[in-house]
Amino acid sequence: MNGKELLKELKSAAEILGMPVREKSFRNIGIPVKSGYCRIHEEDLFLLDRNMNIADKNRILKEILRRRFPHGPDSSPSSKNGVISEKLRSRIWPKPGKTKEIAGP
């Protein structure tokens, strides 16, 4: 799976878990802004800097999914709205005892 495909699957997983991902360019606002989780009008949202490279986008999105759902996708009430592939689950939430590096391609 290449980086773009992984990013698409990570975004899909976040959407299934009730946390939509929006890519925005922060270059023109004049203050340093980082990608991250936020709540806007009572809605969970993950803003991702459009200008970042794919590997960094994948790393950050995997990290926030792990932090928001530390027990995996089944810990989210929204996860019943879709299915996250087993391959993607293992990339985001490795089974205990597995310390395989799961960074982007």
N, C-alpha and C. Protein backbone atom coordinates (compact mmCIF):
# COMPACT_ATOMS: atom_id res chain seq x y z
N MET A 1 0.86 -1.17 0.00
CA MET A 1 0.00 0.00 0.00
C MET A 1 0.90 1.23 0.00
N ASN A 2 0.66 2.12 -0.94
CA ASN A 2 1.48 3.33 -0.97
C ASN A 2 0.94 4.38 0.01
N GLY A 3 1.68 5.48 0.15
CA GLY A 3 1.32 6.50 1.13
C GLY A 3 -0.03 7.14 0.89
N LYS A 4 -0.36 7.40 -0.37
CA LYS A 4 -1.65 8.02 -0.68
C LYS A 4 -2.80 7.08 -0.36
N GLU A 5 -2.62 5.79 -0.66
CA GLU A 5 -3.67 4.82 -0.34
C GLU A 5 -3.86 4.70 1.16
N LEU A 6 -2.75 4.68 1.91
CA LEU A 6 -2.83 4.60 3.36
C LEU A 6 -3.54 5.83 3.93
N LEU A 7 -3.21 7.01 3.42
CA LEU A 7 -3.86 8.23 3.89
C LEU A 7 -5.36 8.17 3.65
N LYS A 8 -5.75 7.69 2.48
CA LYS A 8 -7.18 7.56 2.17
C LYS A 8 -7.86 6.61 3.15
N GLU A 9 -7.21 5.49 3.47
CA GLU A 9 -7.80 4.53 4.42
C GLU A 9 -7.83 5.10 5.84
N LEU A 10 -6.79 5.82 6.22
CA LEU A 10 -6.78 6.44 7.55
C LEU A 10 -7.90 7.46 7.69
N LYS A 11 -8.11 8.26 6.65
CA LYS A 11 -9.20 9.24 6.66
C LYS A 11 -10.55 8.53 6.77
N SER A 12 -10.68 7.44 6.03
CA SER A 12 -11.92 6.66 6.07
C SER A 12 -12.15 6.09 7.47
N ALA A 13 -11.09 5.56 8.09
CA ALA A 13 -11.22 5.02 9.45
C ALA A 13 -11.63 6.11 10.42
N ALA A 14 -11.02 7.27 10.31
CA ALA A 14 -11.37 8.39 11.20
C ALA A 14 -12.84 8.77 11.01
N GLU A 15 -13.29 8.80 9.78
CA GLU A 15 -14.70 9.12 9.48
C GLU A 15 -15.63 8.09 10.12
N ILE A 16 -15.28 6.81 9.97
CA ILE A 16 -16.08 5.72 10.55
C ILE A 16 -16.16 5.89 12.07
N LEU A 17 -15.08 6.34 12.67
CA LEU A 17 -15.02 6.50 14.12
C LEU A 17 -15.63 7.82 14.60
N GLY A 18 -16.17 8.59 13.67
CA GLY A 18 -16.86 9.82 14.05
C GLY A 18 -15.95 11.03 14.15
N MET A 19 -14.80 10.98 13.48
CA MET A 19 -13.88 12.11 13.51
C MET A 19 -13.47 12.45 12.08
N PRO A 20 -14.26 13.26 11.38
CA PRO A 20 -13.93 13.62 10.00
C PRO A 20 -12.59 14.34 9.91
N VAL A 21 -11.89 14.12 8.80
CA VAL A 21 -10.59 14.75 8.56
C VAL A 21 -10.77 15.77 7.45
N ARG A 22 -10.28 16.97 7.69
CA ARG A 22 -10.32 18.03 6.68
C ARG A 22 -8.91 18.51 6.44
N GLU A 23 -8.50 18.55 5.18
CA GLU A 23 -7.18 19.07 4.83
C GLU A 23 -7.33 20.54 4.47
N LYS A 24 -6.54 21.37 5.12
CA LYS A 24 -6.57 22.82 4.90
C LYS A 24 -5.14 23.33 4.79
N SER A 25 -4.97 24.40 4.05
CA SER A 25 -3.68 25.06 3.97
C SER A 25 -3.64 26.16 5.01
N PHE A 26 -2.62 26.14 5.86
CA PHE A 26 -2.48 27.13 6.92
C PHE A 26 -1.42 28.17 6.60
N ARG A 27 -0.87 28.14 5.41
CA ARG A 27 0.24 29.04 5.06
C ARG A 27 -0.15 30.52 5.07
N ASN A 28 -1.36 30.85 4.71
CA ASN A 28 -1.75 32.26 4.53
C ASN A 28 -2.32 32.93 5.77
N ILE A 29 -2.38 32.24 6.91
CA ILE A 29 -3.02 32.86 8.06
C ILE A 29 -2.08 33.70 8.92
N GLY A 30 -0.76 33.56 8.70
CA GLY A 30 0.19 34.43 9.38
C GLY A 30 0.63 33.99 10.76
N ILE A 31 0.05 32.94 11.31
CA ILE A 31 0.50 32.42 12.60
C ILE A 31 0.77 30.92 12.43
N PRO A 32 1.71 30.38 13.21
CA PRO A 32 2.01 28.95 13.05
C PRO A 32 0.86 28.09 13.57
N VAL A 33 0.37 27.22 12.74
CA VAL A 33 -0.72 26.31 13.09
C VAL A 33 -0.25 24.90 12.78
N LYS A 34 -0.57 23.98 13.68
CA LYS A 34 -0.21 22.59 13.46
C LYS A 34 -1.48 21.78 13.22
N SER A 35 -1.32 20.65 12.56
CA SER A 35 -2.44 19.75 12.36
C SER A 35 -2.86 19.20 13.71
N GLY A 36 -4.13 18.85 13.85
CA GLY A 36 -4.55 18.25 15.10
C GLY A 36 -6.05 18.15 15.26
N TYR A 37 -6.41 17.52 16.36
CA TYR A 37 -7.81 17.30 16.73
C TYR A 37 -8.39 18.57 17.31
N CYS A 38 -9.65 18.84 16.99
CA CYS A 38 -10.35 19.97 17.60
C CYS A 38 -11.85 19.68 17.63
N ARG A 39 -12.57 20.52 18.34
CA ARG A 39 -14.04 20.44 18.36
C ARG A 39 -14.55 21.78 17.88
N ILE A 40 -15.41 21.73 16.87
CA ILE A 40 -16.01 22.94 16.33
C ILE A 40 -17.52 22.74 16.35
N HIS A 41 -18.21 23.61 17.06
CA HIS A 41 -19.67 23.51 17.19
C HIS A 41 -20.09 22.10 17.62
N GLU A 42 -19.43 21.60 18.68
CA GLU A 42 -19.74 20.30 19.27
C GLU A 42 -19.47 19.12 18.34
N GLU A 43 -18.67 19.32 17.32
CA GLU A 43 -18.33 18.23 16.39
C GLU A 43 -16.83 17.95 16.47
N ASP A 44 -16.47 16.66 16.62
CA ASP A 44 -15.07 16.26 16.58
C ASP A 44 -14.57 16.43 15.15
N LEU A 45 -13.35 16.93 15.02
CA LEU A 45 -12.79 17.18 13.70
C LEU A 45 -11.28 17.08 13.79
N PHE A 46 -10.66 16.61 12.74
CA PHE A 46 -9.21 16.58 12.68
C PHE A 46 -8.78 17.42 11.49
N LEU A 47 -8.05 18.51 11.78
CA LEU A 47 -7.54 19.37 10.72
C LEU A 47 -6.13 18.94 10.37
N LEU A 48 -5.89 18.74 9.09
CA LEU A 48 -4.61 18.25 8.60
C LEU A 48 -4.04 19.27 7.63
N ASP A 49 -2.80 19.69 7.86
CA ASP A 49 -2.15 20.67 7.00
C ASP A 49 -1.93 20.09 5.62
N ARG A 50 -2.57 20.65 4.63
CA ARG A 50 -2.51 20.17 3.26
C ARG A 50 -1.08 20.17 2.71
N ASN A 51 -0.23 21.06 3.22
CA ASN A 51 1.11 21.22 2.69
C ASN A 51 2.14 20.24 3.27
N MET A 52 1.74 19.41 4.21
CA MET A 52 2.66 18.42 4.78
C MET A 52 2.90 17.29 3.79
N ASN A 53 4.02 16.59 3.95
CA ASN A 53 4.26 15.44 3.09
C ASN A 53 3.40 14.26 3.55
N ILE A 54 3.20 13.32 2.67
CA ILE A 54 2.29 12.18 2.92
C ILE A 54 2.71 11.38 4.15
N ALA A 55 4.00 11.11 4.29
CA ALA A 55 4.47 10.31 5.43
C ALA A 55 4.12 10.98 6.76
N ASP A 56 4.29 12.30 6.84
CA ASP A 56 3.95 13.02 8.07
C ASP A 56 2.44 13.02 8.31
N LYS A 57 1.66 13.19 7.26
CA LYS A 57 0.20 13.14 7.40
C LYS A 57 -0.22 11.79 7.97
N ASN A 58 0.34 10.71 7.41
CA ASN A 58 -0.01 9.36 7.88
C ASN A 58 0.40 9.15 9.33
N ARG A 59 1.60 9.59 9.68
CA ARG A 59 2.10 9.42 11.04
C ARG A 59 1.21 10.16 12.04
N ILE A 60 0.88 11.41 11.73
CA ILE A 60 0.07 12.23 12.64
C ILE A 60 -1.34 11.67 12.76
N LEU A 61 -1.92 11.25 11.66
CA LEU A 61 -3.28 10.72 11.70
C LEU A 61 -3.34 9.41 12.48
N LYS A 62 -2.34 8.53 12.30
CA LYS A 62 -2.30 7.28 13.09
C LYS A 62 -2.17 7.60 14.58
N GLU A 63 -1.32 8.56 14.89
CA GLU A 63 -1.10 8.93 16.29
C GLU A 63 -2.38 9.45 16.93
N ILE A 64 -3.10 10.33 16.24
CA ILE A 64 -4.32 10.88 16.84
C ILE A 64 -5.39 9.80 16.96
N LEU A 65 -5.47 8.87 16.02
CA LEU A 65 -6.44 7.78 16.14
C LEU A 65 -6.12 6.91 17.35
N ARG A 66 -4.84 6.65 17.58
CA ARG A 66 -4.45 5.86 18.76
C ARG A 66 -4.79 6.59 20.05
N ARG A 67 -4.57 7.90 20.07
CA ARG A 67 -4.84 8.67 21.28
C ARG A 67 -6.34 8.80 21.56
N ARG A 68 -7.12 9.07 20.53
CA ARG A 68 -8.56 9.25 20.71
C ARG A 68 -9.28 7.93 21.00
N PHE A 69 -8.74 6.83 20.45
CA PHE A 69 -9.37 5.52 20.61
C PHE A 69 -8.31 4.51 21.05
N PRO A 70 -7.80 4.65 22.29
CA PRO A 70 -6.68 3.82 22.74
C PRO A 70 -6.98 2.33 22.78
N HIS A 71 -8.24 1.94 22.86
CA HIS A 71 -8.60 0.54 22.91
C HIS A 71 -9.05 0.01 21.56
N GLY A 72 -8.75 0.76 20.52
CA GLY A 72 -9.09 0.32 19.17
C GLY A 72 -10.43 0.87 18.72
N PRO A 73 -10.78 0.55 17.49
CA PRO A 73 -11.99 1.12 16.90
C PRO A 73 -13.28 0.67 17.57
N ASP A 74 -13.25 -0.46 18.25
CA ASP A 74 -14.48 -0.94 18.88
C ASP A 74 -14.85 -0.12 20.10
N SER A 75 -13.94 0.75 20.56
CA SER A 75 -14.23 1.60 21.72
C SER A 75 -15.03 2.84 21.33
N SER A 76 -15.28 3.02 20.03
CA SER A 76 -16.04 4.18 19.57
C SER A 76 -17.47 3.78 19.25
N PRO A 77 -18.46 4.52 19.80
CA PRO A 77 -19.85 4.20 19.46
C PRO A 77 -20.13 4.38 17.98
N SER A 78 -19.35 5.21 17.29
CA SER A 78 -19.57 5.45 15.87
C SER A 78 -19.04 4.32 14.99
N SER A 79 -18.22 3.42 15.54
CA SER A 79 -17.57 2.40 14.72
C SER A 79 -18.56 1.41 14.11
N LYS A 80 -19.77 1.37 14.62
CA LYS A 80 -20.75 0.45 14.06
C LYS A 80 -21.29 0.92 12.71
N ASN A 81 -20.95 2.16 12.33
CA ASN A 81 -21.42 2.70 11.06
C ASN A 81 -20.59 2.25 9.87
N GLY A 82 -19.48 1.57 10.10
CA GLY A 82 -18.62 1.13 9.01
C GLY A 82 -17.65 0.09 9.48
N VAL A 83 -16.90 -0.46 8.54
CA VAL A 83 -15.96 -1.52 8.86
C VAL A 83 -14.55 -1.04 8.53
N ILE A 84 -13.66 -1.20 9.49
CA ILE A 84 -12.25 -0.87 9.28
C ILE A 84 -11.53 -2.19 9.01
N SER A 85 -10.80 -2.25 7.91
CA SER A 85 -10.14 -3.50 7.53
C SER A 85 -9.17 -3.97 8.62
N GLU A 86 -9.01 -5.28 8.71
CA GLU A 86 -8.11 -5.85 9.71
C GLU A 86 -6.67 -5.39 9.48
N LYS A 87 -6.29 -5.25 8.21
CA LYS A 87 -4.94 -4.80 7.89
C LYS A 87 -4.70 -3.38 8.43
N LEU A 88 -5.69 -2.50 8.23
CA LEU A 88 -5.55 -1.14 8.72
C LEU A 88 -5.59 -1.11 10.25
N ARG A 89 -6.46 -1.92 10.85
CA ARG A 89 -6.51 -1.99 12.32
C ARG A 89 -5.14 -2.33 12.88
N SER A 90 -4.46 -3.31 12.25
CA SER A 90 -3.16 -3.74 12.77
C SER A 90 -2.09 -2.66 12.56
N ARG A 91 -2.26 -1.80 11.58
CA ARG A 91 -1.30 -0.71 11.37
C ARG A 91 -1.50 0.40 12.39
N ILE A 92 -2.75 0.64 12.79
CA ILE A 92 -3.02 1.71 13.75
C ILE A 92 -2.91 1.20 15.19
N TRP A 93 -3.52 0.05 15.46
CA TRP A 93 -3.55 -0.52 16.80
C TRP A 93 -2.89 -1.89 16.78
N PRO A 94 -1.54 -1.95 16.83
CA PRO A 94 -0.87 -3.26 16.81
C PRO A 94 -1.25 -4.07 18.05
N LYS A 95 -1.28 -5.38 17.88
CA LYS A 95 -1.62 -6.25 19.02
C LYS A 95 -0.53 -6.16 20.07
N PRO A 96 -0.89 -6.33 21.35
CA PRO A 96 0.10 -6.24 22.42
C PRO A 96 1.29 -7.19 22.14
N GLY A 97 2.48 -6.69 22.42
CA GLY A 97 3.67 -7.51 22.22
C GLY A 97 4.32 -7.29 20.87
N LYS A 98 3.60 -6.66 19.94
CA LYS A 98 4.17 -6.38 18.64
C LYS A 98 4.65 -4.93 18.62
N THR A 99 5.93 -4.75 18.38
CA THR A 99 6.49 -3.40 18.39
C THR A 99 6.94 -2.98 17.00
N LYS A 100 6.33 -3.57 16.00
CA LYS A 100 6.67 -3.27 14.62
C LYS A 100 6.46 -1.79 14.33
N GLU A 101 7.40 -1.20 13.62
CA GLU A 101 7.29 0.21 13.22
C GLU A 101 6.19 0.31 12.18
N ILE A 102 5.24 1.22 12.39
CA ILE A 102 4.12 1.32 11.45
C ILE A 102 4.09 2.68 10.78
N ALA A 103 5.21 3.33 10.67
CA ALA A 103 5.25 4.63 10.02
C ALA A 103 4.90 4.49 8.55
N GLY A 104 4.54 5.59 7.94
CA GLY A 104 4.15 5.60 6.53
C GLY A 104 5.26 5.07 5.65
N PRO A 105 4.94 4.87 4.37
CA PRO A 105 5.90 4.27 3.46
C PRO A 105 7.15 5.10 3.25
